[in-house]
Amino acid sequence: TLDEAINDDDFVVINEPVGVKLVIDAMSESYLKNAEIDFVDNVEGAHFVIRNPNAKTTCGCGSSFSIEE
């Protein structure tokens, strides 16, 4: 989700040179390790796409996945 608040235990990544901040909560950080997160705005709509090399299964839209621990 889009959120304005950054908590003390959040992980913050700043995309340079654009300066966009990506804030990941502490619980989600381990699931997104080594993942590529992109924001796409096209005829299908605007959404985040997650490309995660650790994902075992993904949905067709690219915004959700599952991993085996």
PDB file of N, CA and C in Angstrom:
ATOM      1  N   THR A   1       0.837  -1.183   0.000  1.00  0.00           N
ATOM      2  CA  THR A   1       0.000   0.000   0.000  1.00  0.00           C
ATOM      3  C   THR A   1       0.876   1.238   0.000  1.00  0.00           C
ATOM      4  N   LEU A   2       0.307   2.343  -0.357  1.00  0.00           N
ATOM      5  CA  LEU A   2       1.006   3.615  -0.273  1.00  0.00           C
ATOM      6  C   LEU A   2       0.767   4.185   1.114  1.00  0.00           C
ATOM      7  N   ASP A   3       1.814   4.624   1.763  1.00  0.00           N
ATOM      8  CA  ASP A   3       1.703   5.105   3.138  1.00  0.00           C
ATOM      9  C   ASP A   3       2.624   6.298   3.320  1.00  0.00           C
ATOM     10  N   GLU A   4       2.207   7.240   4.115  1.00  0.00           N
ATOM     11  CA  GLU A   4       3.007   8.431   4.394  1.00  0.00           C
ATOM     12  C   GLU A   4       3.936   8.234   5.589  1.00  0.00           C
ATOM     13  N   ALA A   5       3.587   7.331   6.501  1.00  0.00           N
ATOM     14  CA  ALA A   5       4.353   7.150   7.740  1.00  0.00           C
ATOM     15  C   ALA A   5       5.500   6.168   7.550  1.00  0.00           C
ATOM     16  N   ILE A   6       6.632   6.471   8.170  1.00  0.00           N
ATOM     17  CA  ILE A   6       7.781   5.571   8.197  1.00  0.00           C
ATOM     18  C   ILE A   6       8.042   5.227   9.658  1.00  0.00           C
ATOM     19  N   ASN A   7       7.953   3.940   9.976  1.00  0.00           N
ATOM     20  CA  ASN A   7       8.165   3.479  11.343  1.00  0.00           C
ATOM     21  C   ASN A   7       9.653   3.251  11.607  1.00  0.00           C
ATOM     22  N   ASP A   8      10.025   3.218  12.871  1.00  0.00           N
ATOM     23  CA  ASP A   8      11.429   3.060  13.252  1.00  0.00           C
ATOM     24  C   ASP A   8      12.049   1.768  12.735  1.00  0.00           C
ATOM     25  N   ASP A   9      11.261   0.684  12.624  1.00  0.00           N
ATOM     26  CA  ASP A   9      11.817  -0.594  12.183  1.00  0.00           C
ATOM     27  C   ASP A   9      11.633  -0.845  10.683  1.00  0.00           C
ATOM     28  N   ASP A  10      11.175   0.144   9.937  1.00  0.00           N
ATOM     29  CA  ASP A  10      11.028   0.009   8.487  1.00  0.00           C
ATOM     30  C   ASP A  10      12.384   0.108   7.796  1.00  0.00           C
ATOM     31  N   PHE A  11      12.494  -0.547   6.655  1.00  0.00           N
ATOM     32  CA  PHE A  11      13.682  -0.509   5.817  1.00  0.00           C
ATOM     33  C   PHE A  11      13.374   0.444   4.666  1.00  0.00           C
ATOM     34  N   VAL A  12      14.222   1.457   4.448  1.00  0.00           N
ATOM     35  CA  VAL A  12      13.966   2.478   3.430  1.00  0.00           C
ATOM     36  C   VAL A  12      15.020   2.379   2.330  1.00  0.00           C
ATOM     37  N   VAL A  13      14.552   2.304   1.081  1.00  0.00           N
ATOM     38  CA  VAL A  13      15.424   2.310  -0.090  1.00  0.00           C
ATOM     39  C   VAL A  13      15.064   3.543  -0.899  1.00  0.00           C
ATOM     40  N   ILE A  14      16.061   4.336  -1.266  1.00  0.00           N
ATOM     41  CA  ILE A  14      15.821   5.531  -2.076  1.00  0.00           C
ATOM     42  C   ILE A  14      16.351   5.277  -3.478  1.00  0.00           C
ATOM     43  N   ASN A  15      15.460   5.395  -4.466  1.00  0.00           N
ATOM     44  CA  ASN A  15      15.817   5.199  -5.859  1.00  0.00           C
ATOM     45  C   ASN A  15      16.448   6.474  -6.391  1.00  0.00           C
ATOM     46  N   GLU A  16      17.704   6.410  -6.736  1.00  0.00           N
ATOM     47  CA  GLU A  16      18.390   7.561  -7.320  1.00  0.00           C
ATOM     48  C   GLU A  16      18.431   7.385  -8.821  1.00  0.00           C
ATOM     49  N   PRO A  17      18.357   8.374  -9.627  1.00  0.00           N
ATOM     50  CA  PRO A  17      18.326   9.797  -9.333  1.00  0.00           C
ATOM     51  C   PRO A  17      16.922  10.344  -9.134  1.00  0.00           C
ATOM     52  N   VAL A  18      15.895   9.504  -9.245  1.00  0.00           N
ATOM     53  CA  VAL A  18      14.516   9.978  -9.148  1.00  0.00           C
ATOM     54  C   VAL A  18      14.181  10.437  -7.730  1.00  0.00           C
ATOM     55  N   GLY A  19      14.723   9.750  -6.725  1.00  0.00           N
ATOM     56  CA  GLY A  19      14.477  10.132  -5.344  1.00  0.00           C
ATOM     57  C   GLY A  19      13.230   9.519  -4.731  1.00  0.00           C
ATOM     58  N   VAL A  20      12.686   8.491  -5.361  1.00  0.00           N
ATOM     59  CA  VAL A  20      11.499   7.816  -4.834  1.00  0.00           C
ATOM     60  C   VAL A  20      11.911   6.935  -3.658  1.00  0.00           C
ATOM     61  N   LYS A  21      11.151   7.029  -2.549  1.00  0.00           N
ATOM     62  CA  LYS A  21      11.423   6.200  -1.377  1.00  0.00           C
ATOM     63  C   LYS A  21      10.533   4.967  -1.402  1.00  0.00           C
ATOM     64  N   LEU A  22      11.147   3.811  -1.225  1.00  0.00           N
ATOM     65  CA  LEU A  22      10.430   2.562  -1.061  1.00  0.00           C
ATOM     66  C   LEU A  22      10.597   2.158   0.394  1.00  0.00           C
ATOM     67  N   VAL A  23       9.491   2.022   1.109  1.00  0.00           N
ATOM     68  CA  VAL A  23       9.524   1.689   2.529  1.00  0.00           C
ATOM     69  C   VAL A  23       8.985   0.274   2.700  1.00  0.00           C
ATOM     70  N   ILE A  24       9.780  -0.582   3.325  1.00  0.00           N
ATOM     71  CA  ILE A  24       9.410  -1.983   3.525  1.00  0.00           C
ATOM     72  C   ILE A  24       9.344  -2.247   5.020  1.00  0.00           C
ATOM     73  N   ASP A  25       8.215  -2.797   5.473  1.00  0.00           N
ATOM     74  CA  ASP A  25       8.093  -3.091   6.899  1.00  0.00           C
ATOM     75  C   ASP A  25       9.005  -4.264   7.275  1.00  0.00           C
ATOM     76  N   ALA A  26       9.335  -4.352   8.548  1.00  0.00           N
ATOM     77  CA  ALA A  26      10.302  -5.342   9.034  1.00  0.00           C
ATOM     78  C   ALA A  26       9.887  -6.773   8.690  1.00  0.00           C
ATOM     79  N   MET A  27       8.605  -7.101   8.771  1.00  0.00           N
ATOM     80  CA  MET A  27       8.147  -8.460   8.481  1.00  0.00           C
ATOM     81  C   MET A  27       8.319  -8.812   6.995  1.00  0.00           C
ATOM     82  N   SER A  28       8.096  -7.871   6.110  1.00  0.00           N
ATOM     83  CA  SER A  28       8.162  -8.133   4.673  1.00  0.00           C
ATOM     84  C   SER A  28       9.581  -8.124   4.121  1.00  0.00           C
ATOM     85  N   GLU A  29      10.515  -7.535   4.849  1.00  0.00           N
ATOM     86  CA  GLU A  29      11.879  -7.388   4.343  1.00  0.00           C
ATOM     87  C   GLU A  29      12.489  -8.727   3.932  1.00  0.00           C
ATOM     88  N   SER A  30      12.333  -9.761   4.742  1.00  0.00           N
ATOM     89  CA  SER A  30      12.945 -11.058   4.417  1.00  0.00           C
ATOM     90  C   SER A  30      12.325 -11.684   3.167  1.00  0.00           C
ATOM     91  N   TYR A  31      11.047 -11.423   2.899  1.00  0.00           N
ATOM     92  CA  TYR A  31      10.378 -11.968   1.719  1.00  0.00           C
ATOM     93  C   TYR A  31      10.803 -11.268   0.434  1.00  0.00           C
ATOM     94  N   LEU A  32      11.281 -10.032   0.561  1.00  0.00           N
ATOM     95  CA  LEU A  32      11.639  -9.246  -0.615  1.00  0.00           C
ATOM     96  C   LEU A  32      13.139  -9.182  -0.875  1.00  0.00           C
ATOM     97  N   LYS A  33      13.925  -9.947  -0.137  1.00  0.00           N
ATOM     98  CA  LYS A  33      15.377  -9.939  -0.313  1.00  0.00           C
ATOM     99  C   LYS A  33      15.730 -10.321  -1.748  1.00  0.00           C
ATOM    100  N   ASN A  34      16.546  -9.503  -2.384  1.00  0.00           N
ATOM    101  CA  ASN A  34      17.013  -9.677  -3.770  1.00  0.00           C
ATOM    102  C   ASN A  34      15.904  -9.473  -4.812  1.00  0.00           C
ATOM    103  N   ALA A  35      14.752  -8.964  -4.417  1.00  0.00           N
ATOM    104  CA  ALA A  35      13.655  -8.745  -5.359  1.00  0.00           C
ATOM    105  C   ALA A  35      13.821  -7.417  -6.088  1.00  0.00           C
ATOM    106  N   GLU A  36      13.251  -7.351  -7.264  1.00  0.00           N
ATOM    107  CA  GLU A  36      13.197  -6.115  -8.039  1.00  0.00           C
ATOM    108  C   GLU A  36      11.757  -5.626  -8.000  1.00  0.00           C
ATOM    109  N   ILE A  37      11.553  -4.396  -7.561  1.00  0.00           N
ATOM    110  CA  ILE A  37      10.214  -3.826  -7.446  1.00  0.00           C
ATOM    111  C   ILE A  37      10.118  -2.657  -8.417  1.00  0.00           C
ATOM    112  N   ASP A  38       9.093  -2.690  -9.256  1.00  0.00           N
ATOM    113  CA  ASP A  38       8.917  -1.662 -10.272  1.00  0.00           C
ATOM    114  C   ASP A  38       7.489  -1.126 -10.197  1.00  0.00           C
ATOM    115  N   PHE A  39       7.297   0.121 -10.560  1.00  0.00           N
ATOM    116  CA  PHE A  39       5.963   0.705 -10.662  1.00  0.00           C
ATOM    117  C   PHE A  39       5.662   0.892 -12.133  1.00  0.00           C
ATOM    118  N   VAL A  40       4.570   0.286 -12.594  1.00  0.00           N
ATOM    119  CA  VAL A  40       4.197   0.314 -14.003  1.00  0.00           C
ATOM    120  C   VAL A  40       2.897   1.098 -14.157  1.00  0.00           C
ATOM    121  N   ASP A  41       2.867   1.992 -15.115  1.00  0.00           N
ATOM    122  CA  ASP A  41       1.664   2.766 -15.426  1.00  0.00           C
ATOM    123  C   ASP A  41       1.435   2.640 -16.924  1.00  0.00           C
ATOM    124  N   ASN A  42       0.500   1.763 -17.313  1.00  0.00           N
ATOM    125  CA  ASN A  42       0.240   1.526 -18.729  1.00  0.00           C
ATOM    126  C   ASN A  42      -1.255   1.355 -18.955  1.00  0.00           C
ATOM    127  N   VAL A  43      -1.662   0.856 -20.130  1.00  0.00           N
ATOM    128  CA  VAL A  43      -3.078   0.718 -20.455  1.00  0.00           C
ATOM    129  C   VAL A  43      -3.804  -0.246 -19.516  1.00  0.00           C
ATOM    130  N   GLU A  44      -3.079  -1.136 -18.868  1.00  0.00           N
ATOM    131  CA  GLU A  44      -3.680  -2.067 -17.914  1.00  0.00           C
ATOM    132  C   GLU A  44      -3.898  -1.418 -16.548  1.00  0.00           C
ATOM    133  N   GLY A  45      -3.339  -0.242 -16.334  1.00  0.00           N
ATOM    134  CA  GLY A  45      -3.475   0.467 -15.074  1.00  0.00           C
ATOM    135  C   GLY A  45      -2.124   0.693 -14.420  1.00  0.00           C
ATOM    136  N   ALA A  46      -2.146   1.364 -13.290  1.00  0.00           N
ATOM    137  CA  ALA A  46      -0.918   1.645 -12.543  1.00  0.00           C
ATOM    138  C   ALA A  46      -0.820   0.655 -11.393  1.00  0.00           C
ATOM    139  N   HIS A  47       0.340   0.001 -11.263  1.00  0.00           N
ATOM    140  CA  HIS A  47       0.515  -0.998 -10.219  1.00  0.00           C
ATOM    141  C   HIS A  47       1.994  -1.312 -10.005  1.00  0.00           C
ATOM    142  N   PHE A  48       2.284  -1.929  -8.877  1.00  0.00           N
ATOM    143  CA  PHE A  48       3.632  -2.393  -8.598  1.00  0.00           C
ATOM    144  C   PHE A  48       3.802  -3.792  -9.154  1.00  0.00           C
ATOM    145  N   VAL A  49       4.994  -4.073  -9.685  1.00  0.00           N
ATOM    146  CA  VAL A  49       5.347  -5.400 -10.166  1.00  0.00           C
ATOM    147  C   VAL A  49       6.565  -5.852  -9.365  1.00  0.00           C
ATOM    148  N   ILE A  50       6.488  -7.046  -8.808  1.00  0.00           N
ATOM    149  CA  ILE A  50       7.582  -7.598  -8.015  1.00  0.00           C
ATOM    150  C   ILE A  50       8.175  -8.785  -8.755  1.00  0.00           C
ATOM    151  N   ARG A  51       9.472  -8.713  -9.050  1.00  0.00           N
ATOM    152  CA  ARG A  51      10.192  -9.830  -9.644  1.00  0.00           C
ATOM    153  C   ARG A  51      11.112 -10.373  -8.559  1.00  0.00           C
ATOM    154  N   ASN A  52      10.748 -11.520  -8.030  1.00  0.00           N
ATOM    155  CA  ASN A  52      11.448 -12.070  -6.882  1.00  0.00           C
ATOM    156  C   ASN A  52      12.098 -13.400  -7.247  1.00  0.00           C
ATOM    157  N   PRO A  53      13.427 -13.471  -7.235  1.00  0.00           N
ATOM    158  CA  PRO A  53      14.104 -14.723  -7.581  1.00  0.00           C
ATOM    159  C   PRO A  53      13.851 -15.831  -6.559  1.00  0.00           C
ATOM    160  N   ASN A  54      13.362 -15.488  -5.372  1.00  0.00           N
ATOM    161  CA  ASN A  54      13.077 -16.481  -4.338  1.00  0.00           C
ATOM    162  C   ASN A  54      11.658 -17.039  -4.430  1.00  0.00           C
ATOM    163  N   ALA A  55      10.827 -16.480  -5.297  1.00  0.00           N
ATOM    164  CA  ALA A  55       9.424 -16.893  -5.399  1.00  0.00           C
ATOM    165  C   ALA A  55       9.313 -18.287  -6.009  1.00  0.00           C
ATOM    166  N   LYS A  56       8.483 -19.101  -5.392  1.00  0.00           N
ATOM    167  CA  LYS A  56       8.208 -20.445  -5.916  1.00  0.00           C
ATOM    168  C   LYS A  56       6.982 -20.430  -6.812  1.00  0.00           C
ATOM    169  N   THR A  57       5.998 -19.580  -6.491  1.00  0.00           N
ATOM    170  CA  THR A  57       4.813 -19.395  -7.322  1.00  0.00           C
ATOM    171  C   THR A  57       4.489 -17.913  -7.369  1.00  0.00           C
ATOM    172  N   THR A  58       3.884 -17.459  -8.472  1.00  0.00           N
ATOM    173  CA  THR A  58       3.492 -16.058  -8.617  1.00  0.00           C
ATOM    174  C   THR A  58       2.100 -15.991  -9.219  1.00  0.00           C
ATOM    175  N   CYS A  59       1.462 -14.839  -9.062  1.00  0.00           N
ATOM    176  CA  CYS A  59       0.167 -14.612  -9.715  1.00  0.00           C
ATOM    177  C   CYS A  59       0.431 -14.042 -11.107  1.00  0.00           C
ATOM    178  N   GLY A  60      -0.579 -13.989 -11.918  1.00  0.00           N
ATOM    179  CA  GLY A  60      -0.433 -13.478 -13.268  1.00  0.00           C
ATOM    180  C   GLY A  60      -0.112 -12.001 -13.345  1.00  0.00           C
ATOM    181  N   CYS A  61      -0.526 -11.229 -12.358  1.00  0.00           N
ATOM    182  CA  CYS A  61      -0.308  -9.776 -12.408  1.00  0.00           C
ATOM    183  C   CYS A  61       1.085  -9.381 -11.940  1.00  0.00           C
ATOM    184  N   GLY A  62       1.806 -10.274 -11.273  1.00  0.00           N
ATOM    185  CA  GLY A  62       3.163  -9.966 -10.822  1.00  0.00           C
ATOM    186  C   GLY A  62       3.250  -9.203  -9.534  1.00  0.00           C
ATOM    187  N   SER A  63       2.148  -9.056  -8.797  1.00  0.00           N
ATOM    188  CA  SER A  63       2.215  -8.284  -7.555  1.00  0.00           C
ATOM    189  C   SER A  63       2.101  -9.150  -6.301  1.00  0.00           C
ATOM    190  N   SER A  64       1.926 -10.458  -6.460  1.00  0.00           N
ATOM    191  CA  SER A  64       1.953 -11.323  -5.285  1.00  0.00           C
ATOM    192  C   SER A  64       2.708 -12.608  -5.620  1.00  0.00           C
ATOM    193  N   PHE A  65       3.226 -13.246  -4.579  1.00  0.00           N
ATOM    194  CA  PHE A  65       4.039 -14.441  -4.769  1.00  0.00           C
ATOM    195  C   PHE A  65       4.061 -15.224  -3.474  1.00  0.00           C
ATOM    196  N   SER A  66       4.555 -16.446  -3.536  1.00  0.00           N
ATOM    197  CA  SER A  66       4.764 -17.231  -2.320  1.00  0.00           C
ATOM    198  C   SER A  66       6.166 -17.823  -2.370  1.00  0.00           C
ATOM    199  N   ILE A  67       6.745 -18.011  -1.208  1.00  0.00           N
ATOM    200  CA  ILE A  67       8.063 -18.628  -1.107  1.00  0.00           C
ATOM    201  C   ILE A  67       7.970 -19.778  -0.135  1.00  0.00           C
ATOM    202  N   GLU A  68       8.842 -20.761  -0.303  1.00  0.00           N
ATOM    203  CA  GLU A  68       8.916 -21.869   0.645  1.00  0.00           C
ATOM    204  C   GLU A  68      10.060 -21.605   1.591  1.00  0.00           C
ATOM    205  N   GLU A  69       9.802 -21.841   2.862  1.00  0.00           N
ATOM    206  CA  GLU A  69      10.856 -21.600   3.853  1.00  0.00           C
ATOM    207  C   GLU A  69      11.477 -22.898   4.271  1.00  0.00           C
TER     208      GLU A  69
END
